[in-house]
Amino acid sequence: MNITRRGLMTATGAVLALPLGRAFAAPATLDLGYRAPFRINVSTIEVIDRYEPPFTSPNVEHHFTEPPARLAARWANTRLIPTGQGTDKTGRFTIDIASVVDVELPKAGGVRNLFTKQQEHRFDARLAVSFDILTFGGVSESKITASATATRTMPGDTSLDDRDAVFLELSRMLIVSLEQEFDSLVPQYLSAYLR
């Protein structure tokens, strides 16, 4: 099987768990224009968001200033640039999963824990996407898939500003992991389409 033709590659980003540090102000959105885009020999690239957030607990992605699905779509529009003129091929970036789940952590008992700030929430974020090169008839000629995960913990008495900062950091971690996957997979499996 020739993996560059009708190929499928799956990659998973690393899980990172970091405790919440001191309070800090966070910008509303992430800057995605600091890396060179992939210039792909297709006539157009469409972005499809197939993730349907439940808008209920334990999911919290709808509380993000820029939910992961919207961030992934903006990333695709920033880094995947169609350059093909006169070609009948198109690109399709699909967002399958863009969830963030709030997991309540058990509280440790004991006298010593009365005087320490315990982490009461763990936010598990997951992003799963794919990118297809499609022929004129809509048949997938080549495909890569990538996924990214990120985890942050937070004390129960955290302010809304600090919670938003944690959410922004989760978003940054997801995008960095996604970029690492695409930086590896695109040249390896879609090199024939790069310009």
Protein backbone atom coordinates (compact mmCIF):
# COMPACT_ATOMS: atom_id res chain seq x y z
CA MET A 1 0.00 0.00 0.00
CA ASN A 2 1.36 3.38 -0.96
CA ILE A 3 0.59 5.59 2.00
CA THR A 4 1.02 8.84 0.08
CA ARG A 5 -1.89 7.79 -2.14
CA ARG A 6 -5.12 7.23 -0.22
CA GLY A 7 -2.95 7.22 2.88
CA LEU A 8 -4.10 7.57 6.46
CA MET A 9 -1.85 8.61 9.29
CA THR A 10 -2.91 9.10 12.90
CA ALA A 11 -0.93 11.04 15.44
CA THR A 12 -1.65 11.96 19.04
CA GLY A 13 -0.19 14.89 20.90
CA ALA A 14 1.28 14.55 24.35
CA VAL A 15 -0.83 15.00 27.47
CA LEU A 16 0.42 17.81 29.64
CA ALA A 17 -0.68 18.40 33.23
CA LEU A 18 0.38 21.66 34.81
CA PRO A 19 -0.77 23.22 38.09
CA LEU A 20 -2.25 26.70 37.97
CA GLY A 21 0.32 29.33 38.87
CA ARG A 22 -0.23 32.89 39.99
CA ALA A 23 -2.98 35.06 38.53
CA PHE A 24 -2.15 36.62 35.17
CA ALA A 25 -3.98 38.59 32.51
CA ALA A 26 -4.65 36.70 29.30
CA PRO A 27 -5.27 38.07 25.81
CA ALA A 28 -8.63 37.27 24.28
CA THR A 29 -7.28 35.23 21.35
CA LEU A 30 -4.12 33.48 20.24
CA ASP A 31 -1.87 34.84 17.49
CA LEU A 32 -1.61 32.21 14.76
CA GLY A 33 0.37 34.17 12.19
CA TYR A 34 3.87 33.48 13.49
CA ARG A 35 4.56 30.40 11.34
CA ALA A 36 4.84 30.06 7.57
CA PRO A 37 1.70 28.56 6.00
CA PHE A 38 1.52 25.34 4.04
CA ARG A 39 0.99 26.28 0.39
CA ILE A 40 -1.00 23.43 -1.11
CA ASN A 41 -1.69 22.78 -4.78
CA VAL A 42 -5.49 22.70 -4.56
CA SER A 43 -8.04 25.14 -5.95
CA THR A 44 -9.81 25.74 -2.64
CA ILE A 45 -9.76 24.53 0.96
CA GLU A 46 -13.01 24.14 2.83
CA VAL A 47 -13.23 23.92 6.62
CA ILE A 48 -15.95 21.68 8.06
CA ASP A 49 -16.82 21.65 11.76
CA ARG A 50 -18.54 18.35 12.58
CA TYR A 51 -18.21 18.68 16.34
CA GLU A 52 -21.50 19.37 18.12
CA PRO A 53 -20.87 20.65 21.65
CA PRO A 54 -23.44 19.45 24.20
CA PHE A 55 -23.57 22.87 25.95
CA THR A 56 -23.96 21.10 29.28
CA SER A 57 -21.78 19.81 32.11
CA PRO A 58 -19.24 18.26 32.23
CA ASN A 59 -18.31 19.92 28.89
CA VAL A 60 -17.07 23.50 29.20
CA GLU A 61 -15.74 24.37 25.72
CA HIS A 62 -18.71 26.70 25.20
CA HIS A 63 -17.33 28.88 28.02
CA PHE A 64 -14.12 29.57 26.10
CA THR A 65 -13.67 33.01 24.57
CA GLU A 66 -12.69 31.14 21.41
CA PRO A 67 -13.87 27.51 21.61
CA PRO A 68 -11.39 24.91 20.33
CA ALA A 69 -13.44 24.19 17.18
CA ARG A 70 -13.43 27.86 16.19
CA LEU A 71 -9.72 28.10 17.00
CA ALA A 72 -8.96 25.04 14.86
CA ALA A 73 -10.96 26.52 11.97
CA ARG A 74 -9.05 29.80 12.27
CA TRP A 75 -5.78 27.86 12.38
CA ALA A 76 -6.70 25.99 9.18
CA ASN A 77 -7.62 29.24 7.41
CA THR A 78 -4.31 30.76 8.52
CA ARG A 79 -1.88 27.90 7.80
CA LEU A 80 -3.45 25.93 4.92
CA ILE A 81 -3.30 28.11 1.81
CA PRO A 82 -4.64 26.92 -1.57
CA THR A 83 -2.29 27.83 -4.43
CA GLY A 84 -3.56 25.65 -7.27
CA GLN A 85 -4.83 27.47 -10.33
CA GLY A 86 -6.55 25.36 -12.90
CA THR A 87 -6.40 22.19 -10.80
CA ASP A 88 -9.53 20.15 -10.13
CA LYS A 89 -8.36 19.11 -6.67
CA THR A 90 -9.70 20.64 -3.45
CA GLY A 91 -8.69 20.42 0.19
CA ARG A 92 -11.00 19.65 3.09
CA PHE A 93 -10.06 20.31 6.73
CA THR A 94 -12.52 18.55 9.06
CA ILE A 95 -12.90 19.11 12.79
CA ASP A 96 -14.27 15.92 14.33
CA ILE A 97 -13.69 16.51 18.05
CA ALA A 98 -13.08 19.79 19.88
CA SER A 99 -14.11 19.08 23.46
CA VAL A 100 -13.09 20.24 26.92
CA VAL A 101 -14.40 18.25 29.89
CA ASP A 102 -14.36 19.42 33.51
CA VAL A 103 -13.42 16.54 35.82
CA GLU A 104 -13.98 17.15 39.53
CA LEU A 105 -11.03 15.92 41.55
CA PRO A 106 -11.43 14.22 44.94
CA LYS A 107 -10.48 16.33 47.94
CA ALA A 108 -7.75 14.97 50.16
CA GLY A 109 -8.57 14.81 53.84
CA GLY A 110 -6.39 15.33 56.87
CA VAL A 111 -5.28 18.32 58.92
CA ARG A 112 -2.35 19.15 56.66
CA ASN A 113 -4.63 19.54 53.65
CA LEU A 114 -6.72 22.14 55.50
CA PHE A 115 -3.88 24.61 54.98
CA THR A 116 -3.02 23.84 51.37
CA LYS A 117 -4.78 24.95 48.21
CA GLN A 118 -6.03 21.81 46.55
CA GLN A 119 -6.63 21.32 42.85
CA GLU A 120 -10.37 20.66 42.55
CA HIS A 121 -10.87 20.67 38.77
CA ARG A 122 -9.05 19.05 35.89
CA PHE A 123 -9.86 20.21 32.38
CA ASP A 124 -9.25 17.58 29.71
CA ALA A 125 -9.15 19.09 26.21
CA ARG A 126 -9.14 17.09 23.00
CA LEU A 127 -8.91 18.09 19.37
CA ALA A 128 -9.16 15.63 16.46
CA VAL A 129 -8.99 16.80 12.85
CA SER A 130 -8.31 15.48 9.37
CA PHE A 131 -7.18 16.97 6.09
CA ASP A 132 -8.14 15.43 2.74
CA ILE A 133 -7.04 16.09 -0.81
CA LEU A 134 -10.14 15.48 -2.94
CA THR A 135 -10.42 14.81 -6.65
CA PHE A 136 -13.01 16.48 -8.87
CA GLY A 137 -15.53 13.75 -8.02
CA GLY A 138 -15.06 14.27 -4.28
CA VAL A 139 -12.98 11.13 -3.79
CA SER A 140 -10.27 11.37 -1.13
CA GLU A 141 -6.92 11.00 -2.90
CA SER A 142 -4.80 11.46 0.20
CA LYS A 143 -5.59 12.04 3.86
CA ILE A 144 -3.88 12.75 7.17
CA THR A 145 -5.44 12.80 10.62
CA ALA A 146 -4.05 14.39 13.75
CA SER A 147 -5.18 14.71 17.33
CA ALA A 148 -4.02 16.76 20.27
CA THR A 149 -4.77 16.56 23.98
CA ALA A 150 -4.03 18.91 26.85
CA THR A 151 -4.81 18.92 30.56
CA ARG A 152 -4.76 21.65 33.20
CA THR A 153 -5.82 21.59 36.83
CA MET A 154 -7.34 24.43 38.82
CA PRO A 155 -8.27 25.14 42.46
CA GLY A 156 -11.93 25.49 43.31
CA ASP A 157 -11.70 29.16 44.37
CA THR A 158 -10.15 30.41 41.13
CA SER A 159 -11.47 33.69 39.74
CA LEU A 160 -13.22 33.86 36.38
CA ASP A 161 -10.24 35.76 34.95
CA ASP A 162 -7.85 33.02 36.05
CA ARG A 163 -10.23 30.37 34.72
CA ASP A 164 -10.22 32.14 31.35
CA ALA A 165 -6.41 32.20 31.49
CA VAL A 166 -6.41 28.43 32.07
CA PHE A 167 -8.77 28.00 29.11
CA LEU A 168 -6.51 30.11 26.91
CA GLU A 169 -3.49 28.06 27.97
CA LEU A 170 -5.37 24.87 27.09
CA SER A 171 -6.12 26.33 23.66
CA ARG A 172 -2.46 27.26 23.18
CA MET A 173 -1.34 23.75 24.16
CA LEU A 174 -3.82 22.17 21.71
CA ILE A 175 -2.72 24.35 18.80
CA VAL A 176 0.99 23.87 19.51
CA SER A 177 0.47 20.11 19.56
CA LEU A 178 -1.64 20.23 16.39
CA GLU A 179 1.04 22.29 14.63
CA GLN A 180 3.71 19.77 15.59
CA GLU A 181 1.63 16.97 14.09
CA PHE A 182 0.99 18.86 10.85
CA ASP A 183 4.62 19.96 10.60
CA SER A 184 5.56 16.28 10.65
CA LEU A 185 2.70 14.76 8.63
CA VAL A 186 2.23 17.25 5.78
CA PRO A 187 5.79 17.07 4.38
CA GLN A 188 5.85 13.31 4.92
CA TYR A 189 2.49 12.35 3.37
CA LEU A 190 1.37 15.35 1.32
CA SER A 191 4.70 16.48 -0.15
CA ALA A 192 3.43 15.97 -3.70
CA TYR A 193 0.88 18.74 -3.12
CA LEU A 194 3.16 21.33 -1.53
CA ARG A 195 4.21 24.42 -3.47
